[in-house]
Amino acid sequence: MDAKDVLVLGLGVTPPWRLADQRLDTSRQPHVLEILLEADRGAEFPCPECGGPCKAHDFKEFTRRHLNFFQHHCLIVSIR
């Protein structure tokens, strides 16, 4: 198991999402861990109402603040 697997398990990332990259910015205080998630265009996501598969209408990059990983601030960036 490598660091990528640990992050995927810790965040609960499930298909169609996948971990594309992670970056630790040590030049900032406190340090910031950026985790980039992506999904393929045309991928199906579970409907929040019925749970059935449906396609996304659009993709927009967004960033959300997550709980800290160890002492590092953590940002989740969704792309595609």
Protein backbone atom coordinates (compact mmCIF):
# COMPACT_ATOMS: atom_id res chain seq x y z
CA MET A 1 0.00 0.00 0.00
CA ASP A 2 1.41 3.39 -0.97
CA ALA A 3 0.56 6.96 0.08
CA LYS A 4 -2.01 7.30 -2.71
CA ASP A 5 -3.91 4.25 -1.42
CA VAL A 6 -3.89 5.65 2.11
CA LEU A 7 -5.40 8.95 0.91
CA VAL A 8 -8.07 7.14 -1.16
CA LEU A 9 -9.06 5.00 1.82
CA GLY A 10 -8.93 7.89 4.27
CA LEU A 11 -11.14 10.10 2.10
CA GLY A 12 -13.49 7.32 0.99
CA VAL A 13 -12.95 8.07 -2.71
CA THR A 14 -15.11 5.75 -4.82
CA PRO A 15 -15.64 5.43 -8.58
CA PRO A 16 -16.28 7.27 -10.77
CA TRP A 17 -13.97 9.60 -8.78
CA ARG A 18 -10.26 8.81 -8.64
CA LEU A 19 -7.24 10.43 -7.07
CA ALA A 20 -5.34 12.24 -9.83
CA ASP A 21 -2.59 13.89 -7.79
CA GLN A 22 -1.60 15.23 -4.39
CA ARG A 23 0.62 18.18 -3.55
CA LEU A 24 2.03 19.33 -0.24
CA ASP A 25 2.91 23.04 -0.16
CA THR A 26 5.48 23.47 2.62
CA SER A 27 6.15 27.09 1.70
CA ARG A 28 2.89 28.11 3.42
CA GLN A 29 2.19 28.12 7.13
CA PRO A 30 0.45 25.96 8.07
CA HIS A 31 1.39 23.55 5.28
CA VAL A 32 -1.36 22.85 2.75
CA LEU A 33 -2.10 19.42 1.27
CA GLU A 34 -3.99 19.66 -2.04
CA ILE A 35 -5.71 16.51 -3.22
CA LEU A 36 -6.91 16.48 -6.83
CA LEU A 37 -9.85 14.24 -7.73
CA GLU A 38 -11.09 13.63 -11.26
CA ALA A 39 -13.74 11.69 -13.13
CA ASP A 40 -14.15 10.96 -16.82
CA ARG A 41 -16.65 12.91 -18.87
CA GLY A 42 -19.74 10.79 -19.36
CA ALA A 43 -19.20 8.95 -16.07
CA GLU A 44 -22.36 8.09 -14.17
CA PHE A 45 -22.90 9.26 -10.59
CA PRO A 46 -25.46 8.04 -8.07
CA CYS A 47 -28.59 10.22 -7.95
CA PRO A 48 -28.88 11.91 -4.52
CA GLU A 49 -32.64 11.18 -4.47
CA CYS A 50 -33.10 7.64 -5.80
CA GLY A 51 -29.51 6.34 -5.95
CA GLY A 52 -29.86 5.37 -9.61
CA PRO A 53 -27.06 6.11 -12.09
CA CYS A 54 -27.17 9.44 -13.92
CA LYS A 55 -24.72 11.52 -15.92
CA ALA A 56 -23.42 14.88 -14.76
CA HIS A 57 -24.78 17.87 -16.66
CA ASP A 58 -21.54 19.82 -16.43
CA PHE A 59 -18.15 19.72 -14.82
CA LYS A 60 -16.69 22.66 -13.00
CA GLU A 61 -13.49 22.77 -10.97
CA PHE A 62 -14.16 23.46 -7.33
CA THR A 63 -12.15 23.45 -4.11
CA ARG A 64 -13.41 22.42 -0.70
CA ARG A 65 -11.71 22.57 2.65
CA HIS A 66 -11.41 19.16 4.31
CA LEU A 67 -10.45 18.26 7.83
CA ASN A 68 -6.72 18.46 8.50
CA PHE A 69 -4.48 15.56 7.55
CA PHE A 70 -2.14 15.34 10.50
CA GLN A 71 -1.17 18.99 11.06
CA HIS A 72 -1.64 20.02 7.40
CA HIS A 73 -4.62 21.96 6.09
CA CYS A 74 -6.29 19.86 3.41
CA LEU A 75 -8.02 21.10 0.24
CA ILE A 76 -9.98 18.79 -2.07
CA VAL A 77 -9.92 19.98 -5.70
CA SER A 78 -12.36 18.31 -8.08
CA ILE A 79 -11.48 18.59 -11.75
CA ARG A 80 -13.07 17.58 -15.05
